[in-house]
Amino acid sequence: MSLKFITEAANLLLKTTLNANVGFTEISINKEKFIFTYKEEELLKLVERLELLKKQQREQEYALQKQQQISSSIFAEPTDEVELKKRIDEKKQILLDLKAKNLVKDKAVECIETGRVISTTIFLEGSQLSPQALCLKDMIKERDRLVIEILNSHQELLKAQTELMELEQDVIKRHRDNRQLMKQIIDMRTSNSDDSDSQDAKMVQRTKKELVSARAKREVIRNVLQGLILESGIDWTEDEQLLNLLLMIGEEL
């Protein structure tokens, strides 16, 4: 679309809304100047803010992926309970940051709705509009539709990420429990290798049962996590983070 066409449409919009007390501002984009209403200027700034938040989200997802790679080697590298709690607290902070971004997103949706009302007021039904004005009206509607669709998809992604983080915390806890049980078994075998006391034998048997139970719970959590990802409707084959998570939980822990 040429600058001349946009200028003509903007001038027509200015003449149409001059008596409606709608403010306008001039904005330079790619060294070309365009006229927007104040509401559209605010919406443009919110879209730029949303892009910045998406960039920050990608950075946080990369950091979260690095944490997942560390947690996948939890059996090979001993980690005490204090460090596990620290990791959980860090992920809780990430969740709080995502919720804060949701507030910004909701504000963007609110401003889009306000822009729609203004657009409806400007382009009254039945009014005689030039082809340029009609084209501009259709472009505004398409822009709003695409922004709302992106924001809705973003909301679903945040919800899935929250559930995945909660399940990951459960997996880490099961790892820790399994490691403690295994340590107890090894300690008992080492200290009581020559002791045939029936009471110790019962204790070993009970510990083995607890280990079996813990492994069964771990399998349930792994199956739930896999089901959540596969049935969520998200294309996990195109999402590197979800793909790596599926590969991680698919391995024998």
Protein backbone atom coordinates (compact mmCIF):
# COMPACT_ATOMS: atom_id res chain seq x y z
CA MET A 1 0.00 0.00 0.00
CA SER A 2 1.52 3.36 -1.08
CA LEU A 3 2.10 6.35 1.16
CA LYS A 4 -0.20 8.40 -1.05
CA PHE A 5 -3.10 6.00 -0.52
CA ILE A 6 -2.61 5.93 3.26
CA THR A 7 -2.34 9.73 3.36
CA GLU A 8 -5.58 10.14 1.45
CA ALA A 9 -7.36 7.67 3.74
CA ALA A 10 -5.99 9.40 6.84
CA ASN A 11 -7.08 12.82 5.57
CA LEU A 12 -10.55 11.46 4.89
CA LEU A 13 -10.66 9.99 8.40
CA LEU A 14 -9.58 13.36 9.81
CA LYS A 15 -12.35 15.21 7.95
CA THR A 16 -14.98 12.63 8.98
CA THR A 17 -14.14 12.79 12.68
CA LEU A 18 -13.21 16.47 13.02
CA ASN A 19 -16.53 17.30 14.69
CA ALA A 20 -16.41 14.18 16.90
CA ASN A 21 -13.56 15.65 18.97
CA VAL A 22 -11.22 12.68 18.23
CA GLY A 23 -7.55 13.55 18.75
CA PHE A 24 -4.89 12.69 16.19
CA THR A 25 -1.13 12.37 16.33
CA GLU A 26 1.59 11.98 13.71
CA ILE A 27 3.89 8.92 13.98
CA SER A 28 6.93 8.07 11.83
CA ILE A 29 7.26 4.41 10.79
CA ASN A 30 10.16 3.34 8.57
CA LYS A 31 10.91 7.03 7.78
CA GLU A 32 7.29 7.55 6.61
CA LYS A 33 4.78 9.63 8.55
CA PHE A 34 1.25 8.41 9.32
CA ILE A 35 -1.68 9.93 11.17
CA PHE A 36 -3.26 7.91 13.99
CA THR A 37 -5.86 8.66 16.63
CA TYR A 38 -4.59 8.84 20.20
CA LYS A 39 -6.29 5.52 20.95
CA GLU A 40 -4.57 3.92 17.97
CA GLU A 41 -1.26 5.40 19.09
CA GLU A 42 -1.83 3.86 22.53
CA LEU A 43 -2.69 0.53 20.91
CA LEU A 44 0.47 0.70 18.77
CA LYS A 45 2.57 1.25 21.89
CA LEU A 46 0.86 -1.68 23.61
CA VAL A 47 1.61 -3.93 20.62
CA GLU A 48 5.27 -2.88 20.80
CA ARG A 49 5.19 -3.62 24.54
CA LEU A 50 3.70 -7.05 23.79
CA GLU A 51 6.55 -7.81 21.40
CA LEU A 52 9.04 -6.85 24.10
CA LEU A 53 7.27 -9.16 26.56
CA LYS A 54 7.40 -11.98 24.02
CA LYS A 55 11.16 -11.46 23.73
CA GLN A 56 11.51 -11.59 27.50
CA GLN A 57 9.35 -14.72 27.58
CA ARG A 58 11.63 -16.43 25.05
CA GLU A 59 14.63 -15.57 27.22
CA GLN A 60 12.89 -17.01 30.28
CA GLU A 61 11.89 -20.13 28.35
CA TYR A 62 15.54 -20.60 27.39
CA ALA A 63 16.55 -20.27 31.04
CA LEU A 64 13.80 -22.72 32.03
CA GLN A 65 15.04 -25.18 29.41
CA LYS A 66 18.53 -25.01 30.91
CA GLN A 67 17.03 -25.76 34.33
CA GLN A 68 15.18 -28.75 32.89
CA GLN A 69 18.45 -30.09 31.46
CA ILE A 70 19.98 -29.82 34.91
CA SER A 71 17.01 -31.55 36.55
CA SER A 72 17.22 -34.41 33.99
CA SER A 73 20.62 -35.36 35.41
CA ILE A 74 19.41 -35.31 39.02
CA PHE A 75 20.29 -38.99 39.59
CA ALA A 76 23.84 -38.54 38.33
CA GLU A 77 24.54 -35.44 40.44
CA PRO A 78 23.48 -35.55 44.11
CA THR A 79 21.39 -32.52 45.12
CA ASP A 80 20.28 -31.75 48.65
CA GLU A 81 16.80 -30.66 49.67
CA VAL A 82 17.83 -27.01 50.11
CA GLU A 83 18.91 -26.76 46.46
CA LEU A 84 15.66 -28.37 45.28
CA LYS A 85 13.63 -25.86 47.27
CA LYS A 86 15.69 -23.08 45.75
CA ARG A 87 14.86 -24.30 42.25
CA ILE A 88 11.17 -24.50 43.08
CA ASP A 89 11.24 -20.94 44.44
CA GLU A 90 12.89 -19.74 41.24
CA LYS A 91 10.17 -21.36 39.15
CA LYS A 92 7.50 -19.82 41.35
CA GLN A 93 9.05 -16.42 40.63
CA ILE A 94 8.91 -17.16 36.91
CA LEU A 95 5.23 -17.99 37.30
CA LEU A 96 4.61 -14.68 39.08
CA ASP A 97 6.35 -12.85 36.24
CA LEU A 98 4.12 -14.58 33.69
CA LYS A 99 1.03 -13.59 35.66
CA ALA A 100 2.23 -9.98 35.64
CA LYS A 101 2.57 -10.17 31.87
CA ASN A 102 -1.00 -11.43 31.74
CA LEU A 103 -2.13 -8.18 33.32
CA VAL A 104 -0.41 -6.24 30.54
CA LYS A 105 -2.05 -8.49 27.97
CA ASP A 106 -5.50 -7.91 29.49
CA LYS A 107 -4.87 -4.16 29.30
CA ALA A 108 -4.01 -4.53 25.62
CA VAL A 109 -7.27 -6.40 25.00
CA GLU A 110 -9.18 -3.66 26.81
CA CYS A 111 -7.58 -0.97 24.66
CA ILE A 112 -8.34 -2.95 21.50
CA GLU A 113 -12.00 -3.09 22.52
CA THR A 114 -11.94 0.66 23.13
CA GLY A 115 -10.44 1.15 19.67
CA ARG A 116 -13.22 -0.97 18.20
CA VAL A 117 -15.87 1.22 19.78
CA ILE A 118 -14.15 4.35 18.44
CA SER A 119 -13.86 2.77 14.99
CA THR A 120 -17.57 1.90 15.04
CA THR A 121 -18.40 5.49 15.99
CA ILE A 122 -16.19 6.90 13.25
CA PHE A 123 -17.45 4.60 10.51
CA LEU A 124 -21.20 4.86 11.09
CA GLU A 125 -23.40 2.27 9.38
CA GLY A 126 -25.04 3.64 6.26
CA SER A 127 -22.63 6.58 5.87
CA GLN A 128 -21.16 7.27 2.45
CA LEU A 129 -17.49 6.27 2.50
CA SER A 130 -14.96 6.32 -0.28
CA PRO A 131 -13.23 3.07 -1.37
CA GLN A 132 -10.10 4.23 0.47
CA ALA A 133 -12.04 4.71 3.72
CA LEU A 134 -13.74 1.32 3.36
CA CYS A 135 -10.35 -0.32 2.79
CA LEU A 136 -8.96 1.42 5.86
CA LYS A 137 -11.94 0.23 7.91
CA ASP A 138 -11.39 -3.39 6.80
CA MET A 139 -7.68 -3.16 7.64
CA ILE A 140 -8.47 -1.94 11.16
CA LYS A 141 -10.91 -4.83 11.71
CA GLU A 142 -8.38 -7.39 10.43
CA ARG A 143 -5.65 -5.90 12.63
CA ASP A 144 -7.85 -6.17 15.74
CA ARG A 145 -8.85 -9.74 14.88
CA LEU A 146 -5.25 -10.88 14.50
CA VAL A 147 -4.13 -9.19 17.72
CA ILE A 148 -6.97 -10.78 19.71
CA GLU A 149 -6.18 -14.20 18.20
CA ILE A 150 -2.51 -13.85 19.20
CA LEU A 151 -3.40 -12.80 22.73
CA ASN A 152 -5.80 -15.74 23.16
CA SER A 153 -3.10 -18.17 22.01
CA HIS A 154 -0.69 -16.54 24.44
CA GLN A 155 -3.17 -17.11 27.28
CA GLU A 156 -3.44 -20.83 26.47
CA LEU A 157 0.34 -21.15 26.32
CA LEU A 158 0.77 -19.53 29.74
CA LYS A 159 -1.82 -21.90 31.22
CA ALA A 160 -0.01 -24.94 29.80
CA GLN A 161 3.34 -23.65 31.05
CA THR A 162 1.94 -23.25 34.56
CA GLU A 163 0.68 -26.84 34.61
CA LEU A 164 3.99 -28.14 33.27
CA MET A 165 5.93 -26.29 35.95
CA GLU A 166 3.73 -27.80 38.68
CA LEU A 167 4.18 -31.30 37.30
CA GLU A 168 7.91 -30.78 36.99
CA GLN A 169 8.05 -29.90 40.70
CA ASP A 170 6.29 -33.20 41.48
CA VAL A 171 8.81 -35.10 39.34
CA ILE A 172 11.72 -33.47 41.20
CA LYS A 173 10.16 -34.43 44.54
CA ARG A 174 9.78 -38.04 43.39
CA HIS A 175 13.41 -38.07 42.29
CA ARG A 176 14.47 -36.94 45.74
CA ASP A 177 12.29 -39.54 47.50
CA ASN A 178 13.63 -42.33 45.30
CA ARG A 179 17.20 -41.29 45.94
CA GLN A 180 16.64 -41.26 49.71
CA LEU A 181 15.03 -44.71 49.63
CA MET A 182 17.86 -46.10 47.54
CA LYS A 183 20.40 -44.67 49.97
CA GLN A 184 18.59 -46.34 52.88
CA ILE A 185 18.68 -49.70 51.11
CA ILE A 186 22.39 -49.37 50.32
CA ASP A 187 23.17 -48.33 53.89
CA MET A 188 21.23 -51.26 55.34
CA ARG A 189 22.87 -53.75 53.00
CA THR A 190 26.33 -52.44 53.89
CA SER A 191 25.86 -52.29 57.66
CA ASN A 192 23.87 -55.52 58.03
CA SER A 193 25.47 -57.78 55.43
CA ASP A 194 26.29 -60.39 58.08
CA ASP A 195 23.19 -59.86 60.21
CA SER A 196 20.39 -62.35 59.64
CA ASP A 197 18.04 -60.79 62.15
CA SER A 198 14.46 -61.21 60.95
CA GLN A 199 13.54 -57.68 62.05
CA ASP A 200 16.16 -56.18 59.75
CA ALA A 201 14.97 -58.37 56.91
CA LYS A 202 11.42 -57.06 57.40
CA MET A 203 12.72 -53.50 57.33
CA VAL A 204 14.52 -54.13 54.05
CA GLN A 205 11.39 -55.68 52.62
CA ARG A 206 9.29 -52.71 53.72
CA THR A 207 11.77 -50.28 52.19
CA LYS A 208 11.69 -52.19 48.90
CA LYS A 209 7.89 -51.93 48.88
CA GLU A 210 8.13 -48.20 49.45
CA LEU A 211 10.57 -47.95 46.57
CA VAL A 212 8.20 -49.87 44.29
CA SER A 213 5.35 -47.59 45.37
CA ALA A 214 7.41 -44.48 44.70
CA ARG A 215 8.33 -45.75 41.24
CA ALA A 216 4.67 -46.45 40.49
CA LYS A 217 3.76 -42.90 41.51
CA ARG A 218 6.55 -41.60 39.32
CA GLU A 219 5.14 -43.50 36.34
CA VAL A 220 1.69 -42.04 36.99
CA ILE A 221 3.13 -38.53 37.02
CA ARG A 222 5.09 -39.19 33.83
CA ASN A 223 1.99 -40.56 32.06
CA VAL A 224 -0.12 -37.60 33.21
CA LEU A 225 2.51 -35.17 31.95
CA GLN A 226 2.72 -36.91 28.58
CA GLY A 227 -1.08 -36.98 28.28
CA LEU A 228 -1.36 -33.31 29.15
CA ILE A 229 1.09 -32.32 26.42
CA LEU A 230 -0.29 -34.68 23.75
CA GLU A 231 -3.95 -33.82 24.39
CA SER A 232 -3.54 -30.08 24.95
CA GLY A 233 -3.86 -29.34 21.25
CA ILE A 234 -0.48 -27.55 21.19
CA ASP A 235 1.78 -28.54 18.30
CA TRP A 236 4.60 -29.86 20.48
CA THR A 237 6.59 -31.00 17.44
CA GLU A 238 7.21 -27.34 16.59
CA ASP A 239 7.92 -26.29 20.18
CA GLU A 240 11.51 -27.09 21.14
CA GLN A 241 10.80 -26.73 24.86
CA LEU A 242 7.85 -29.19 24.83
CA LEU A 243 9.76 -31.58 22.55
CA ASN A 244 12.75 -31.66 24.91
CA LEU A 245 10.42 -32.18 27.87
CA LEU A 246 8.72 -35.13 26.17
CA LEU A 247 12.09 -36.66 25.39
CA MET A 248 13.19 -36.18 28.99
CA ILE A 249 10.12 -37.77 30.59
CA GLY A 250 10.17 -40.56 28.03
CA GLU A 251 13.55 -41.77 29.29
CA GLU A 252 13.78 -44.37 32.01
CA LEU A 253 14.31 -42.45 35.26
